[in-house]
Amino acid sequence: MKSIKCILPTLITILFLAKGFAQDFQGEATYFSKTSFDLDLDGRQLSEEQNQRIRRRVKNSSERTYVLTFDKTSSLYIQEEKLDAPTNGGQGRGRGVRFAFGGFGAGGKYYKNVQEKRYLSQSEMFGKQFLIKDSLAQWEWELGSETKKIGNYTCYKATAIIEPDSTTFERLRRMARGPRTRQGGERDSTRSNTVLSRIEEPRERVVTVWYTPEIPISQGPGDYWGLPGLILEVNDGRTTILCTKIVLNAEDAEEIKIPSKGKEVSQAEYDKILGEKMDEMSERFRAGNRRGGGNGIRIITN
């Protein structure tokens, strides 16, 4: 009986793939993404109104809606933009903290071609547009026999283990360290109370997804892909992505337009530029700390 349960997902997958790829297939899926976190205002002297305003802004930035337009081989993932609440007369513009969760910001586009195993990501960094072109990462999924319903679709569970990204952590840790004195002495101890100093070292994590062979395409939200069916739910650390709506083979279906704007770079080149920008930010953080900074907002996301 146990062996039958193990091969059941494979048999169902073969049946749906044979049925689905015998005809043209396209559709649109809407996803709701939410990142949970612990917010510690660090004992700051804030009024209740200020406290609630900060919490609302962080909550709004951690909840996003995306649309995935797909066909048999390619897809385009775009965030639905939403307007921020207006400020009083524009006061504080450019002075506040901007919170962002997840890898795809407003206005960004992520195109995948699973047949050619490549992607294009249109992204903005400090006001400059980039077009990242590279090969798709290969997910090593472990398929399970556990099932559940998401909407009207029967979904199967799959998991993958992700190694921690130590490079980004090392850069953030360098930003958290205080500058040495001119005589080469101890680092500035006041850095120990900053947001960056509280970031814990990343650990290996398990990504759990639910996919449905009833929509026989190897696609999913963001950079998730590689399963014999559309991924409808993702649980990755503190981030959960859930499909809330699916429209298949609509007469007025959106065309999948490959992103083309921005300076073309590979993922490695983009990461290098981002790293250099983070180093520049490190110097700004240090300078700000020397002017008496250090008490800030603490956001725990690990």
C-alpha atoms as a PDB file:
ATOM      1  CA  MET A   1       0.000   0.000   0.000  1.00  0.00           C
ATOM      2  CA  LYS A   2       2.833   2.374   0.848  1.00  0.00           C
ATOM      3  CA  SER A   3       4.474   1.846  -2.560  1.00  0.00           C
ATOM      4  CA  ILE A   4       1.184   2.589  -4.325  1.00  0.00           C
ATOM      5  CA  LYS A   5       0.913   5.917  -2.475  1.00  0.00           C
ATOM      6  CA  CYS A   6       4.450   6.820  -3.529  1.00  0.00           C
ATOM      7  CA  ILE A   7       3.807   6.288  -7.245  1.00  0.00           C
ATOM      8  CA  LEU A   8       0.318   7.844  -7.247  1.00  0.00           C
ATOM      9  CA  PRO A   9       1.526  11.446  -7.818  1.00  0.00           C
ATOM     10  CA  THR A  10       3.627  10.276 -10.764  1.00  0.00           C
ATOM     11  CA  LEU A  11       0.730   8.419 -12.398  1.00  0.00           C
ATOM     12  CA  ILE A  12      -1.623  11.371 -12.005  1.00  0.00           C
ATOM     13  CA  THR A  13       1.068  13.706 -13.340  1.00  0.00           C
ATOM     14  CA  ILE A  14       1.523  11.622 -16.495  1.00  0.00           C
ATOM     15  CA  LEU A  15      -2.218  11.559 -17.157  1.00  0.00           C
ATOM     16  CA  PHE A  16      -2.670  15.307 -16.788  1.00  0.00           C
ATOM     17  CA  LEU A  17       0.450  16.142 -18.759  1.00  0.00           C
ATOM     18  CA  ALA A  18      -0.728  13.988 -21.641  1.00  0.00           C
ATOM     19  CA  LYS A  19      -4.130  15.684 -21.587  1.00  0.00           C
ATOM     20  CA  GLY A  20      -2.911  19.237 -21.046  1.00  0.00           C
ATOM     21  CA  PHE A  21      -0.147  19.425 -23.612  1.00  0.00           C
ATOM     22  CA  ALA A  22      -2.355  18.060 -26.355  1.00  0.00           C
ATOM     23  CA  GLN A  23      -3.884  21.525 -26.740  1.00  0.00           C
ATOM     24  CA  ASP A  24      -2.914  25.164 -26.446  1.00  0.00           C
ATOM     25  CA  PHE A  25      -2.767  26.165 -22.834  1.00  0.00           C
ATOM     26  CA  GLN A  26      -2.540  29.569 -21.188  1.00  0.00           C
ATOM     27  CA  GLY A  27      -3.838  31.300 -18.142  1.00  0.00           C
ATOM     28  CA  GLU A  28      -3.457  33.843 -15.378  1.00  0.00           C
ATOM     29  CA  ALA A  29      -2.986  33.227 -11.642  1.00  0.00           C
ATOM     30  CA  THR A  30      -3.242  35.819  -8.871  1.00  0.00           C
ATOM     31  CA  TYR A  31      -1.112  35.349  -5.748  1.00  0.00           C
ATOM     32  CA  PHE A  32      -1.177  36.983  -2.326  1.00  0.00           C
ATOM     33  CA  SER A  33       2.219  37.170  -0.622  1.00  0.00           C
ATOM     34  CA  LYS A  34       2.731  37.884   3.066  1.00  0.00           C
ATOM     35  CA  THR A  35       5.886  37.998   5.194  1.00  0.00           C
ATOM     36  CA  SER A  36       5.456  37.730   8.953  1.00  0.00           C
ATOM     37  CA  PHE A  37       7.857  39.385  11.362  1.00  0.00           C
ATOM     38  CA  ASP A  38       8.319  40.618  14.925  1.00  0.00           C
ATOM     39  CA  LEU A  39       8.414  44.403  15.198  1.00  0.00           C
ATOM     40  CA  ASP A  40      10.222  45.899  18.179  1.00  0.00           C
ATOM     41  CA  LEU A  41      10.193  49.703  18.345  1.00  0.00           C
ATOM     42  CA  ASP A  42      13.153  49.474  20.697  1.00  0.00           C
ATOM     43  CA  GLY A  43      11.709  51.528  23.509  1.00  0.00           C
ATOM     44  CA  ARG A  44      11.601  54.708  21.449  1.00  0.00           C
ATOM     45  CA  GLN A  45       9.636  57.754  22.636  1.00  0.00           C
ATOM     46  CA  LEU A  46       6.757  57.421  20.161  1.00  0.00           C
ATOM     47  CA  SER A  47       3.173  58.506  20.483  1.00  0.00           C
ATOM     48  CA  GLU A  48       0.464  55.907  19.944  1.00  0.00           C
ATOM     49  CA  GLU A  49      -0.374  57.529  16.604  1.00  0.00           C
ATOM     50  CA  GLN A  50       3.259  57.282  15.439  1.00  0.00           C
ATOM     51  CA  ASN A  51       3.451  53.697  16.665  1.00  0.00           C
ATOM     52  CA  GLN A  52       0.340  52.661  14.738  1.00  0.00           C
ATOM     53  CA  ARG A  53       1.431  54.537  11.608  1.00  0.00           C
ATOM     54  CA  ILE A  54       4.771  52.693  11.519  1.00  0.00           C
ATOM     55  CA  ARG A  55       3.054  49.351  12.040  1.00  0.00           C
ATOM     56  CA  ARG A  56       0.571  50.037   9.235  1.00  0.00           C
ATOM     57  CA  ARG A  57       3.347  50.975   6.820  1.00  0.00           C
ATOM     58  CA  VAL A  58       5.348  47.872   7.635  1.00  0.00           C
ATOM     59  CA  LYS A  59       2.254  45.678   7.307  1.00  0.00           C
ATOM     60  CA  ASN A  60       1.335  47.204   3.935  1.00  0.00           C
ATOM     61  CA  SER A  61       4.869  46.663   2.637  1.00  0.00           C
ATOM     62  CA  SER A  62       4.884  43.028   3.761  1.00  0.00           C
ATOM     63  CA  GLU A  63       1.640  42.167   1.956  1.00  0.00           C
ATOM     64  CA  ARG A  64       1.654  42.121  -1.821  1.00  0.00           C
ATOM     65  CA  THR A  65      -0.449  40.885  -4.714  1.00  0.00           C
ATOM     66  CA  TYR A  66       1.115  39.455  -7.871  1.00  0.00           C
ATOM     67  CA  VAL A  67      -0.194  38.233 -11.210  1.00  0.00           C
ATOM     68  CA  LEU A  68       1.423  35.327 -13.054  1.00  0.00           C
ATOM     69  CA  THR A  69       0.559  35.142 -16.761  1.00  0.00           C
ATOM     70  CA  PHE A  70       1.621  31.797 -18.254  1.00  0.00           C
ATOM     71  CA  ASP A  71       1.489  29.423 -21.193  1.00  0.00           C
ATOM     72  CA  LYS A  72       3.023  25.971 -21.683  1.00  0.00           C
ATOM     73  CA  THR A  73       6.651  27.154 -21.633  1.00  0.00           C
ATOM     74  CA  SER A  74       6.892  30.729 -20.312  1.00  0.00           C
ATOM     75  CA  SER A  75       5.482  33.072 -17.690  1.00  0.00           C
ATOM     76  CA  LEU A  76       5.583  36.698 -16.546  1.00  0.00           C
ATOM     77  CA  TYR A  77       5.301  37.607 -12.856  1.00  0.00           C
ATOM     78  CA  ILE A  78       4.348  41.200 -12.001  1.00  0.00           C
ATOM     79  CA  GLN A  79       3.424  42.874  -8.737  1.00  0.00           C
ATOM     80  CA  GLU A  80       0.180  44.798  -8.677  1.00  0.00           C
ATOM     81  CA  GLU A  81       1.091  48.309  -7.590  1.00  0.00           C
ATOM     82  CA  LYS A  82      -0.794  49.996  -4.787  1.00  0.00           C
ATOM     83  CA  LEU A  83      -0.676  53.623  -3.697  1.00  0.00           C
ATOM     84  CA  ASP A  84       0.807  54.515  -0.336  1.00  0.00           C
ATOM     85  CA  ALA A  85      -1.325  56.566   2.022  1.00  0.00           C
ATOM     86  CA  PRO A  86      -0.672  60.292   1.523  1.00  0.00           C
ATOM     87  CA  THR A  87       1.355  62.142   4.138  1.00  0.00           C
ATOM     88  CA  ASN A  88       0.422  65.503   5.654  1.00  0.00           C
ATOM     89  CA  GLY A  89       1.487  68.002   3.043  1.00  0.00           C
ATOM     90  CA  GLY A  90       4.285  65.712   1.935  1.00  0.00           C
ATOM     91  CA  GLN A  91       6.123  66.156   5.234  1.00  0.00           C
ATOM     92  CA  GLY A  92       8.918  63.735   5.863  1.00  0.00           C
ATOM     93  CA  ARG A  93       9.336  62.811   2.219  1.00  0.00           C
ATOM     94  CA  GLY A  94      12.604  61.004   1.665  1.00  0.00           C
ATOM     95  CA  ARG A  95      13.375  60.921   5.397  1.00  0.00           C
ATOM     96  CA  GLY A  96      11.472  57.829   6.478  1.00  0.00           C
ATOM     97  CA  VAL A  97      12.419  54.180   6.330  1.00  0.00           C
ATOM     98  CA  ARG A  98      11.151  52.251   3.345  1.00  0.00           C
ATOM     99  CA  PHE A  99      10.341  48.621   4.114  1.00  0.00           C
ATOM    100  CA  ALA A 100      10.460  45.882   1.501  1.00  0.00           C
ATOM    101  CA  PHE A 101       9.922  42.129   1.768  1.00  0.00           C
ATOM    102  CA  GLY A 102      10.413  39.556  -0.958  1.00  0.00           C
ATOM    103  CA  GLY A 103      12.542  39.678  -4.061  1.00  0.00           C
ATOM    104  CA  PHE A 104      10.301  41.475  -6.548  1.00  0.00           C
ATOM    105  CA  GLY A 105       9.473  45.114  -5.977  1.00  0.00           C
ATOM    106  CA  ALA A 106       6.765  47.304  -7.429  1.00  0.00           C
ATOM    107  CA  GLY A 107       7.269  47.885 -11.123  1.00  0.00           C
ATOM    108  CA  GLY A 108       9.582  44.892 -11.454  1.00  0.00           C
ATOM    109  CA  LYS A 109       8.961  42.036 -13.880  1.00  0.00           C
ATOM    110  CA  TYR A 110      10.186  38.441 -13.748  1.00  0.00           C
ATOM    111  CA  TYR A 111      10.058  36.342 -16.919  1.00  0.00           C
ATOM    112  CA  LYS A 112      10.739  32.599 -16.957  1.00  0.00           C
ATOM    113  CA  ASN A 113      11.118  30.256 -19.915  1.00  0.00           C
ATOM    114  CA  VAL A 114      11.187  26.745 -18.503  1.00  0.00           C
ATOM    115  CA  GLN A 115      11.821  25.138 -21.888  1.00  0.00           C
ATOM    116  CA  GLU A 116      14.992  27.159 -22.431  1.00  0.00           C
ATOM    117  CA  LYS A 117      15.723  27.231 -18.655  1.00  0.00           C
ATOM    118  CA  ARG A 118      16.393  30.959 -18.564  1.00  0.00           C
ATOM    119  CA  TYR A 119      14.943  34.048 -16.903  1.00  0.00           C
ATOM    120  CA  LEU A 120      14.909  37.827 -17.282  1.00  0.00           C
ATOM    121  CA  SER A 121      14.328  40.018 -14.269  1.00  0.00           C
ATOM    122  CA  GLN A 122      13.624  43.724 -14.683  1.00  0.00           C
ATOM    123  CA  SER A 123      14.653  45.477 -11.485  1.00  0.00           C
ATOM    124  CA  GLU A 124      15.383  48.979 -10.231  1.00  0.00           C
ATOM    125  CA  MET A 125      18.278  49.769  -7.898  1.00  0.00           C
ATOM    126  CA  PHE A 126      18.711  53.281  -6.514  1.00  0.00           C
ATOM    127  CA  GLY A 127      16.801  54.790  -9.426  1.00  0.00           C
ATOM    128  CA  LYS A 128      18.573  52.822 -12.178  1.00  0.00           C
ATOM    129  CA  GLN A 129      16.906  50.105 -14.264  1.00  0.00           C
ATOM    130  CA  PHE A 130      18.606  46.737 -14.728  1.00  0.00           C
ATOM    131  CA  LEU A 131      17.676  43.749 -16.884  1.00  0.00           C
ATOM    132  CA  ILE A 132      19.107  40.596 -15.358  1.00  0.00           C
ATOM    133  CA  LYS A 133      19.553  37.700 -17.795  1.00  0.00           C
ATOM    134  CA  ASP A 134      20.621  34.299 -16.549  1.00  0.00           C
ATOM    135  CA  SER A 135      19.888  30.576 -16.300  1.00  0.00           C
ATOM    136  CA  LEU A 136      17.143  29.324 -14.029  1.00  0.00           C
ATOM    137  CA  ALA A 137      18.243  27.785 -10.752  1.00  0.00           C
ATOM    138  CA  GLN A 138      17.568  24.049 -10.580  1.00  0.00           C
ATOM    139  CA  TRP A 139      15.304  23.186  -7.664  1.00  0.00           C
ATOM    140  CA  GLU A 140      15.899  19.740  -6.166  1.00  0.00           C
ATOM    141  CA  TRP A 141      12.321  18.936  -5.238  1.00  0.00           C
ATOM    142  CA  GLU A 142      11.330  15.928  -3.175  1.00  0.00           C
ATOM    143  CA  LEU A 143       7.822  14.872  -4.207  1.00  0.00           C
ATOM    144  CA  GLY A 144       5.402  13.641  -1.567  1.00  0.00           C
ATOM    145  CA  SER A 145       2.091  11.790  -1.678  1.00  0.00           C
ATOM    146  CA  GLU A 146       0.281  14.159   0.707  1.00  0.00           C
ATOM    147  CA  THR A 147      -2.566  16.099  -0.916  1.00  0.00           C
ATOM    148  CA  LYS A 148      -4.902  18.966  -0.120  1.00  0.00           C
ATOM    149  CA  LYS A 149      -7.427  21.142  -1.907  1.00  0.00           C
ATOM    150  CA  ILE A 150      -6.642  24.724  -2.857  1.00  0.00           C
ATOM    151  CA  GLY A 151      -9.799  26.146  -4.368  1.00  0.00           C
ATOM    152  CA  ASN A 152     -11.087  23.523  -6.789  1.00  0.00           C
ATOM    153  CA  TYR A 153      -7.664  21.992  -7.435  1.00  0.00           C
ATOM    154  CA  THR A 154      -6.102  18.908  -5.877  1.00  0.00           C
ATOM    155  CA  CYS A 155      -2.529  19.752  -4.915  1.00  0.00           C
ATOM    156  CA  TYR A 156       0.486  17.651  -3.997  1.00  0.00           C
ATOM    157  CA  LYS A 157       3.229  18.544  -1.551  1.00  0.00           C
ATOM    158  CA  ALA A 158       6.877  19.014  -2.544  1.00  0.00           C
ATOM    159  CA  THR A 159       9.852  20.215  -0.496  1.00  0.00           C
ATOM    160  CA  ALA A 160      13.358  21.501  -1.159  1.00  0.00           C
ATOM    161  CA  ILE A 161      16.267  22.370   1.126  1.00  0.00           C
ATOM    162  CA  ILE A 162      17.926  25.759   0.564  1.00  0.00           C
ATOM    163  CA  GLU A 163      21.445  26.515   1.712  1.00  0.00           C
ATOM    164  CA  PRO A 164      21.941  29.886   3.485  1.00  0.00           C
ATOM    165  CA  ASP A 165      23.210  32.911   1.557  1.00  0.00           C
ATOM    166  CA  SER A 166      26.350  33.759   3.523  1.00  0.00           C
ATOM    167  CA  THR A 167      27.546  36.498   1.130  1.00  0.00           C
ATOM    168  CA  THR A 168      24.705  38.910   1.862  1.00  0.00           C
ATOM    169  CA  PHE A 169      24.946  38.184   5.582  1.00  0.00           C
ATOM    170  CA  GLU A 170      28.665  38.994   5.636  1.00  0.00           C
ATOM    171  CA  ARG A 171      28.020  42.355   3.983  1.00  0.00           C
ATOM    172  CA  LEU A 172      25.282  43.203   6.481  1.00  0.00           C
ATOM    173  CA  ARG A 173      27.544  42.173   9.354  1.00  0.00           C
ATOM    174  CA  ARG A 174      30.289  44.476   8.085  1.00  0.00           C
ATOM    175  CA  MET A 175      27.741  47.300   7.959  1.00  0.00           C
ATOM    176  CA  ALA A 176      26.866  46.567  11.599  1.00  0.00           C
ATOM    177  CA  ARG A 177      30.452  46.808  12.815  1.00  0.00           C
ATOM    178  CA  GLY A 178      31.544  50.179  14.009  1.00  0.00           C
ATOM    179  CA  PRO A 179      34.568  51.911  12.417  1.00  0.00           C
ATOM    180  CA  ARG A 180      37.910  51.578  14.139  1.00  0.00           C
ATOM    181  CA  THR A 181      39.442  54.607  15.776  1.00  0.00           C
ATOM    182  CA  ARG A 182      42.138  56.474  13.904  1.00  0.00           C
ATOM    183  CA  GLN A 183      44.711  54.752  16.098  1.00  0.00           C
ATOM    184  CA  GLY A 184      43.416  51.364  15.013  1.00  0.00           C
ATOM    185  CA  GLY A 185      41.818  50.602  18.373  1.00  0.00           C
ATOM    186  CA  GLU A 186      38.487  49.027  19.255  1.00  0.00           C
ATOM    187  CA  ARG A 187      35.457  49.443  17.044  1.00  0.00           C
ATOM    188  CA  ASP A 188      32.706  51.850  18.055  1.00  0.00           C
ATOM    189  CA  SER A 189      30.671  50.000  20.680  1.00  0.00           C
ATOM    190  CA  THR A 190      27.509  52.009  19.987  1.00  0.00           C
ATOM    191  CA  ARG A 191      27.039  49.956  16.801  1.00  0.00           C
ATOM    192  CA  SER A 192      25.880  47.035  18.969  1.00  0.00           C
ATOM    193  CA  ASN A 193      22.454  48.692  19.332  1.00  0.00           C
ATOM    194  CA  THR A 194      21.647  49.132  15.646  1.00  0.00           C
ATOM    195  CA  VAL A 195      19.142  47.227  13.512  1.00  0.00           C
ATOM    196  CA  LEU A 196      21.902  45.549  11.480  1.00  0.00           C
ATOM    197  CA  SER A 197      23.744  44.298  14.539  1.00  0.00           C
ATOM    198  CA  ARG A 198      20.678  42.221  15.488  1.00  0.00           C
ATOM    199  CA  ILE A 199      20.499  40.298  12.209  1.00  0.00           C
ATOM    200  CA  GLU A 200      21.138  36.642  12.918  1.00  0.00           C
ATOM    201  CA  GLU A 201      23.221  34.422  10.686  1.00  0.00           C
ATOM    202  CA  PRO A 202      21.045  32.696   8.046  1.00  0.00           C
ATOM    203  CA  ARG A 203      20.358  29.011   8.490  1.00  0.00           C
ATOM    204  CA  GLU A 204      19.434  26.178   6.165  1.00  0.00           C
ATOM    205  CA  ARG A 205      15.704  26.250   5.493  1.00  0.00           C
ATOM    206  CA  VAL A 206      13.054  23.950   4.065  1.00  0.00           C
ATOM    207  CA  VAL A 207      10.806  25.324   1.311  1.00  0.00           C
ATOM    208  CA  THR A 208       7.394  23.645   1.102  1.00  0.00           C
ATOM    209  CA  VAL A 209       5.146  24.091  -1.927  1.00  0.00           C
ATOM    210  CA  TRP A 210       1.838  22.696  -3.149  1.00  0.00           C
ATOM    211  CA  TYR A 211       1.391  22.111  -6.888  1.00  0.00           C
ATOM    212  CA  THR A 212      -1.482  20.834  -9.004  1.00  0.00           C
ATOM    213  CA  PRO A 213      -0.989  18.486 -11.988  1.00  0.00           C
ATOM    214  CA  GLU A 214      -4.473  19.582 -13.086  1.00  0.00           C
ATOM    215  CA  ILE A 215      -2.722  22.638 -14.554  1.00  0.00           C
ATOM    216  CA  PRO A 216       0.120  20.806 -16.322  1.00  0.00           C
ATOM    217  CA  ILE A 217       2.810  23.474 -16.542  1.00  0.00           C
ATOM    218  CA  SER A 218       6.148  23.652 -14.733  1.00  0.00           C
ATOM    219  CA  GLN A 219       5.555  27.178 -13.434  1.00  0.00           C
ATOM    220  CA  GLY A 220       5.027  29.014 -10.172  1.00  0.00           C
ATOM    221  CA  PRO A 221       5.241  32.430  -8.528  1.00  0.00           C
ATOM    222  CA  GLY A 222       8.575  34.264  -8.660  1.00  0.00           C
ATOM    223  CA  ASP A 223      11.544  31.965  -9.175  1.00  0.00           C
ATOM    224  CA  TYR A 224       9.723  28.829  -8.000  1.00  0.00           C
ATOM    225  CA  TRP A 225       9.296  26.258 -10.770  1.00  0.00           C
ATOM    226  CA  GLY A 226      10.337  22.746 -11.828  1.00  0.00           C
ATOM    227  CA  LEU A 227       7.339  20.648 -10.769  1.00  0.00           C
ATOM    228  CA  PRO A 228       4.835  18.701 -12.908  1.00  0.00           C
ATOM    229  CA  GLY A 229       2.080  21.210 -12.284  1.00  0.00           C
ATOM    230  CA  LEU A 230       1.434  24.850 -11.406  1.00  0.00           C
ATOM    231  CA  ILE A 231       2.581  25.808  -7.890  1.00  0.00           C
ATOM    232  CA  LEU A 232      -0.369  27.274  -5.983  1.00  0.00           C
ATOM    233  CA  GLU A 233       1.166  27.729  -2.518  1.00  0.00           C
ATOM    234  CA  VAL A 234       4.665  28.441  -1.205  1.00  0.00           C
ATOM    235  CA  ASN A 235       5.900  28.418   2.397  1.00  0.00           C
ATOM    236  CA  ASP A 236       9.460  29.739   2.480  1.00  0.00           C
ATOM    237  CA  GLY A 237      10.633  30.785   5.927  1.00  0.00           C
ATOM    238  CA  ARG A 238       8.416  33.632   7.099  1.00  0.00           C
ATOM    239  CA  THR A 239       7.018  34.224   3.609  1.00  0.00           C
ATOM    240  CA  THR A 240       3.799  32.580   2.436  1.00  0.00           C
ATOM    241  CA  ILE A 241       2.490  32.902  -1.123  1.00  0.00           C
ATOM    242  CA  LEU A 242      -1.016  31.672  -1.906  1.00  0.00           C
ATOM    243  CA  CYS A 243      -2.892  31.560  -5.201  1.00  0.00           C
ATOM    244  CA  THR A 244      -6.278  33.255  -4.807  1.00  0.00           C
ATOM    245  CA  LYS A 245      -7.606  33.190  -8.370  1.00  0.00           C
ATOM    246  CA  ILE A 246      -7.008  31.279 -11.617  1.00  0.00           C
ATOM    247  CA  VAL A 247      -8.363  32.014 -15.093  1.00  0.00           C
ATOM    248  CA  LEU A 248      -7.592  29.496 -17.854  1.00  0.00           C
ATOM    249  CA  ASN A 249      -7.804  29.898 -21.630  1.00  0.00           C
ATOM    250  CA  ALA A 250      -9.600  33.241 -21.539  1.00  0.00           C
ATOM    251  CA  GLU A 251     -10.461  34.809 -24.895  1.00  0.00           C
ATOM    252  CA  ASP A 252      -8.940  38.148 -23.857  1.00  0.00           C
ATOM    253  CA  ALA A 253      -5.801  36.646 -22.314  1.00  0.00           C
ATOM    254  CA  GLU A 254      -2.857  38.962 -21.662  1.00  0.00           C
ATOM    255  CA  GLU A 255       0.138  38.573 -23.940  1.00  0.00           C
ATOM    256  CA  ILE A 256       3.374  37.512 -22.269  1.00  0.00           C
ATOM    257  CA  LYS A 257       5.731  40.372 -23.081  1.00  0.00           C
ATOM    258  CA  ILE A 258       9.402  39.685 -22.445  1.00  0.00           C
ATOM    259  CA  PRO A 259      10.984  42.488 -20.360  1.00  0.00           C
ATOM    260  CA  SER A 260      13.424  44.617 -22.363  1.00  0.00           C
ATOM    261  CA  LYS A 261      14.144  47.780 -20.367  1.00  0.00           C
ATOM    262  CA  GLY A 262      17.299  48.345 -18.359  1.00  0.00           C
ATOM    263  CA  LYS A 263      21.026  47.740 -18.476  1.00  0.00           C
ATOM    264  CA  GLU A 264      21.667  44.082 -19.318  1.00  0.00           C
ATOM    265  CA  VAL A 265      23.675  42.221 -16.688  1.00  0.00           C
ATOM    266  CA  SER A 266      24.078  38.668 -15.454  1.00  0.00           C
ATOM    267  CA  GLN A 267      22.925  37.739 -11.959  1.00  0.00           C
ATOM    268  CA  ALA A 268      26.555  37.688 -10.771  1.00  0.00           C
ATOM    269  CA  GLU A 269      27.160  41.170 -12.196  1.00  0.00           C
ATOM    270  CA  TYR A 270      23.988  42.492 -10.584  1.00  0.00           C
ATOM    271  CA  ASP A 271      24.946  40.971  -7.229  1.00  0.00           C
ATOM    272  CA  LYS A 272      28.370  42.620  -7.464  1.00  0.00           C
ATOM    273  CA  ILE A 273      26.802  46.054  -8.126  1.00  0.00           C
ATOM    274  CA  LEU A 274      24.360  45.503  -5.268  1.00  0.00           C
ATOM    275  CA  GLY A 275      27.238  44.543  -2.980  1.00  0.00           C
ATOM    276  CA  GLU A 276      29.120  47.720  -3.842  1.00  0.00           C
ATOM    277  CA  LYS A 277      26.003  49.766  -3.086  1.00  0.00           C
ATOM    278  CA  MET A 278      25.641  47.997   0.251  1.00  0.00           C
ATOM    279  CA  ASP A 279      29.240  48.861   1.069  1.00  0.00           C
ATOM    280  CA  GLU A 280      28.456  52.513   0.307  1.00  0.00           C
ATOM    281  CA  MET A 281      25.442  52.297   2.602  1.00  0.00           C
ATOM    282  CA  SER A 282      27.697  50.827   5.275  1.00  0.00           C
ATOM    283  CA  GLU A 283      29.783  53.974   5.291  1.00  0.00           C
ATOM    284  CA  ARG A 284      26.643  56.098   5.542  1.00  0.00           C
ATOM    285  CA  PHE A 285      25.381  54.037   8.486  1.00  0.00           C
ATOM    286  CA  ARG A 286      28.707  54.468  10.241  1.00  0.00           C
ATOM    287  CA  ALA A 287      28.711  58.199   9.630  1.00  0.00           C
ATOM    288  CA  GLY A 288      25.169  58.474  10.933  1.00  0.00           C
ATOM    289  CA  ASN A 289      26.094  56.513  14.040  1.00  0.00           C
ATOM    290  CA  ARG A 290      29.010  58.852  14.768  1.00  0.00           C
ATOM    291  CA  ARG A 291      26.505  61.722  14.737  1.00  0.00           C
ATOM    292  CA  GLY A 292      24.621  60.089  17.583  1.00  0.00           C
ATOM    293  CA  GLY A 293      22.395  57.538  15.811  1.00  0.00           C
ATOM    294  CA  GLY A 294      21.923  53.972  16.898  1.00  0.00           C
ATOM    295  CA  ASN A 295      18.434  53.773  18.375  1.00  0.00           C
ATOM    296  CA  GLY A 296      16.151  52.492  15.690  1.00  0.00           C
ATOM    297  CA  ILE A 297      13.388  50.164  14.710  1.00  0.00           C
ATOM    298  CA  ARG A 298      14.041  46.484  15.074  1.00  0.00           C
ATOM    299  CA  ILE A 299      12.529  44.116  12.542  1.00  0.00           C
ATOM    300  CA  ILE A 300      13.062  40.383  13.051  1.00  0.00           C
ATOM    301  CA  THR A 301      12.490  38.409   9.852  1.00  0.00           C
ATOM    302  CA  ASN A 302      14.407  35.156  10.371  1.00  0.00           C
END
